Amino acid sequence: MNNTGKLGQLSWLWLSILVIILDLGSKAWVSAEFTYAQVLPVWPVFSFTLLHNTGAAFSFLADASGWQRWFFTIIAIVISTVLLVWLKRLKPHETWLACALALVLGGALGNLYDRVVLGYVVDFLLFHWENSYFPAFNIADSAITLGGIMLAWDMVRNPEGKTASQSDLNDSK
C-alpha cells in the first residue's frame, strides 16, 4: 500500500494552511490599518471595516458574559479534530470532498486562533446595499461557507455516499 492510501487526503492540508495564512494576514493588516468600526468604501456595495465578534456567525451569543469564547473554542477544536480524521479516511479519488473539508478546517482554525489569542474574531468584509448591511465577515468565514456549499453539493450529487468506482462495482454484479 502506498502512502497516499495510509494518509488519505491529508495532502490537502496545504489548502487549510493557505486559508489560515490569508485569513490571519488579512486580519493583521486590517487591525493595523483601521481603527475600530472605521469603514473604507471600496465599491458601492462593498467596504472594509474593523469589527470584533465575540460570538459566532452573525454575532450569535456576542452579548453573553464571556463563557461563549471557550464554548466556541471547544466546538472548533472538536470539529477540527473530526475534519482531520475524516480527511485521513478519505479515498485517494475523493478530491472534491477533501477540498471541501480542507476549506472548512482552514477557516475553523483561522477563527479559532483569533478566539483563543484575542478573545474575539476579527471581521472586516462588509457588503451592503444603501442602508442595509450584511453582517461583516472574514476570509475564514468565506472558506467555511465555500467548504460547506461544496459538502452540500457532494451530498446532492452523491446522496448514497457512493463513489463512482463503488457504483461501477455494484453495476457489474
Protein backbone atom coordinates (compact mmCIF):
# COMPACT_ATOMS: atom_id res chain seq x y z
CA MET A 1 0.00 0.00 0.00
CA ASN A 2 1.32 3.47 -0.85
CA ASN A 3 1.47 6.46 1.50
CA THR A 4 -1.49 8.13 -0.22
CA GLY A 5 -3.74 5.33 0.98
CA LYS A 6 -2.38 5.46 4.53
CA LEU A 7 -2.64 9.23 4.75
CA GLY A 8 -5.99 9.51 3.00
CA GLN A 9 -6.31 13.04 1.69
CA LEU A 10 -4.12 14.77 4.30
CA SER A 11 -2.11 16.21 1.43
CA TRP A 12 -4.98 18.70 1.08
CA LEU A 13 -3.85 20.33 4.33
CA TRP A 14 -1.87 22.74 2.11
CA LEU A 15 -5.23 24.35 1.32
CA SER A 16 -6.07 24.67 5.02
CA ILE A 17 -2.68 26.28 5.63
CA LEU A 18 -3.23 28.70 2.73
CA VAL A 19 -6.63 29.70 4.16
CA ILE A 20 -5.07 30.28 7.59
CA ILE A 21 -2.23 32.40 6.15
CA LEU A 22 -4.59 34.52 4.03
CA ASP A 23 -7.08 34.86 6.89
CA LEU A 24 -4.61 35.81 9.63
CA GLY A 25 -2.60 38.02 7.29
CA SER A 26 -5.66 39.97 6.18
CA LYS A 27 -6.90 40.31 9.77
CA ALA A 28 -3.48 41.59 10.87
CA TRP A 29 -3.46 44.14 8.03
CA VAL A 30 -6.94 45.42 8.85
CA SER A 31 -6.20 45.52 12.59
CA ALA A 32 -3.02 47.54 11.96
CA GLU A 33 -4.51 49.96 9.43
CA PHE A 34 -8.03 50.62 10.75
CA THR A 35 -9.49 51.98 13.93
CA TYR A 36 -12.38 50.04 15.38
CA ALA A 37 -15.58 50.43 13.31
CA GLN A 38 -13.82 52.56 10.68
CA VAL A 39 -15.35 51.97 7.25
CA LEU A 40 -13.44 52.29 3.99
CA PRO A 41 -15.76 52.16 0.96
CA VAL A 42 -14.27 50.15 -1.91
CA TRP A 43 -17.28 49.77 -4.22
CA PRO A 44 -20.86 50.99 -3.88
CA VAL A 45 -21.82 47.64 -2.30
CA PHE A 46 -18.58 46.67 -0.53
CA SER A 47 -16.41 48.19 2.19
CA PHE A 48 -13.61 47.25 4.53
CA THR A 49 -14.17 47.78 8.23
CA LEU A 50 -12.73 46.56 11.54
CA LEU A 51 -15.14 44.80 13.87
CA HIS A 52 -14.63 42.36 16.74
CA ASN A 53 -17.08 39.49 17.08
CA THR A 54 -17.14 37.75 20.46
CA GLY A 55 -19.93 35.47 19.30
CA ALA A 56 -20.33 33.04 16.44
CA ALA A 57 -21.85 33.55 12.99
CA PHE A 58 -23.98 36.69 12.72
CA SER A 59 -22.76 37.64 16.24
CA PHE A 60 -24.73 34.77 17.80
CA LEU A 61 -24.19 34.96 21.59
CA ALA A 62 -21.94 38.02 21.26
CA ASP A 63 -23.74 39.65 24.20
CA ALA A 64 -23.10 36.70 26.56
CA SER A 65 -20.89 37.23 29.59
CA GLY A 66 -17.71 35.68 28.17
CA TRP A 67 -18.34 31.95 28.54
CA GLN A 68 -19.09 31.77 24.80
CA ARG A 69 -15.39 32.32 23.99
CA TRP A 70 -14.46 28.96 25.49
CA PHE A 71 -17.64 27.26 24.32
CA PHE A 72 -16.89 28.17 20.69
CA THR A 73 -13.20 27.29 21.23
CA ILE A 74 -14.12 23.76 22.33
CA ILE A 75 -16.54 23.36 19.42
CA ALA A 76 -13.84 24.49 16.94
CA ILE A 77 -11.30 22.05 18.40
CA VAL A 78 -13.76 19.14 18.24
CA ILE A 79 -14.84 19.99 14.68
CA SER A 80 -11.22 20.42 13.54
CA THR A 81 -10.31 17.02 15.00
CA VAL A 82 -13.27 15.37 13.26
CA LEU A 83 -12.30 17.03 9.97
CA LEU A 84 -8.70 15.81 10.26
CA VAL A 85 -9.82 12.23 10.92
CA TRP A 86 -12.31 12.46 8.03
CA LEU A 87 -9.59 13.75 5.68
CA LYS A 88 -7.29 10.91 6.70
CA ARG A 89 -10.01 8.32 5.99
CA LEU A 90 -10.88 9.62 2.52
CA LYS A 91 -10.00 7.55 -0.51
CA PRO A 92 -7.44 8.93 -2.98
CA HIS A 93 -10.12 9.76 -5.58
CA GLU A 94 -12.31 11.77 -3.16
CA THR A 95 -10.68 15.08 -4.02
CA TRP A 96 -13.85 17.22 -4.11
CA LEU A 97 -14.71 16.19 -0.57
CA ALA A 98 -11.08 16.63 0.55
CA CYS A 99 -11.02 20.18 -0.84
CA ALA A 100 -14.29 21.00 0.95
CA LEU A 101 -13.07 19.62 4.27
CA ALA A 102 -9.73 21.42 3.95
CA LEU A 103 -11.50 24.74 3.38
CA VAL A 104 -13.74 24.27 6.43
CA LEU A 105 -10.75 23.17 8.53
CA GLY A 106 -8.64 26.18 7.50
CA GLY A 107 -11.47 28.57 8.27
CA ALA A 108 -12.22 26.95 11.62
CA LEU A 109 -8.56 27.14 12.64
CA GLY A 110 -8.21 30.76 11.48
CA ASN A 111 -11.14 31.85 13.63
CA LEU A 112 -10.01 29.58 16.47
CA TYR A 113 -6.68 31.40 16.59
CA ASP A 114 -8.45 34.75 16.94
CA ARG A 115 -10.80 33.47 19.60
CA VAL A 116 -8.02 31.96 21.75
CA VAL A 117 -5.40 34.72 21.31
CA LEU A 118 -7.59 37.82 21.04
CA GLY A 119 -10.83 36.77 22.73
CA TYR A 120 -12.83 37.73 19.63
CA VAL A 121 -12.83 37.12 15.89
CA VAL A 122 -11.75 39.96 13.61
CA ASP A 123 -14.31 40.67 10.87
CA PHE A 124 -13.66 43.18 8.10
CA LEU A 125 -15.51 42.33 4.86
CA LEU A 126 -18.73 44.34 4.71
CA PHE A 127 -21.34 44.05 1.97
CA HIS A 128 -24.26 46.44 1.89
CA TRP A 129 -26.98 47.91 -0.25
CA GLU A 130 -27.85 51.52 0.56
CA ASN A 131 -28.54 51.38 4.33
CA SER A 132 -28.93 47.59 4.58
CA TYR A 133 -25.82 45.77 5.78
CA PHE A 134 -24.93 42.07 5.72
CA PRO A 135 -23.01 41.12 8.90
CA ALA A 136 -19.28 41.65 8.48
CA PHE A 137 -17.19 38.53 8.00
CA ASN A 138 -13.64 37.44 7.14
CA ILE A 139 -11.69 35.07 4.88
CA ALA A 140 -12.05 32.20 7.37
CA ASP A 141 -15.83 32.60 7.28
CA SER A 142 -15.70 32.63 3.48
CA ALA A 143 -13.68 29.40 3.40
CA ILE A 144 -16.09 27.73 5.84
CA THR A 145 -19.05 28.82 3.72
CA LEU A 146 -17.48 27.68 0.44
CA GLY A 147 -16.47 24.36 2.01
CA GLY A 148 -19.99 23.92 3.39
CA ILE A 149 -21.51 24.60 -0.03
CA MET A 150 -19.14 22.05 -1.55
CA LEU A 151 -20.12 19.49 1.12
CA ALA A 152 -23.80 20.11 0.42
CA TRP A 153 -23.19 19.77 -3.33
CA ASP A 154 -21.38 16.49 -2.71
CA MET A 155 -24.41 15.19 -0.78
CA VAL A 156 -26.77 16.26 -3.59
CA ARG A 157 -24.74 14.75 -6.40
CA ASN A 158 -23.95 11.64 -4.39
CA PRO A 159 -26.84 11.07 -1.93
CA GLU A 160 -25.93 7.49 -1.08
CA GLY A 161 -22.31 8.34 -0.37
CA LYS A 162 -21.10 6.03 -3.12
CA THR A 163 -18.08 6.85 -5.18
CA ALA A 164 -18.11 6.31 -8.93
CA SER A 165 -15.93 3.24 -8.56
CA GLN A 166 -18.29 1.76 -5.95
CA SER A 167 -21.26 2.33 -8.27
CA ASP A 168 -19.39 0.69 -11.15
CA LEU A 169 -18.61 -2.33 -8.98
CA ASN A 170 -22.24 -2.68 -7.91
CA ASP A 171 -23.46 -2.40 -11.51
CA SER A 172 -21.15 -5.16 -12.66
CA LYS A 173 -22.55 -7.70 -10.15
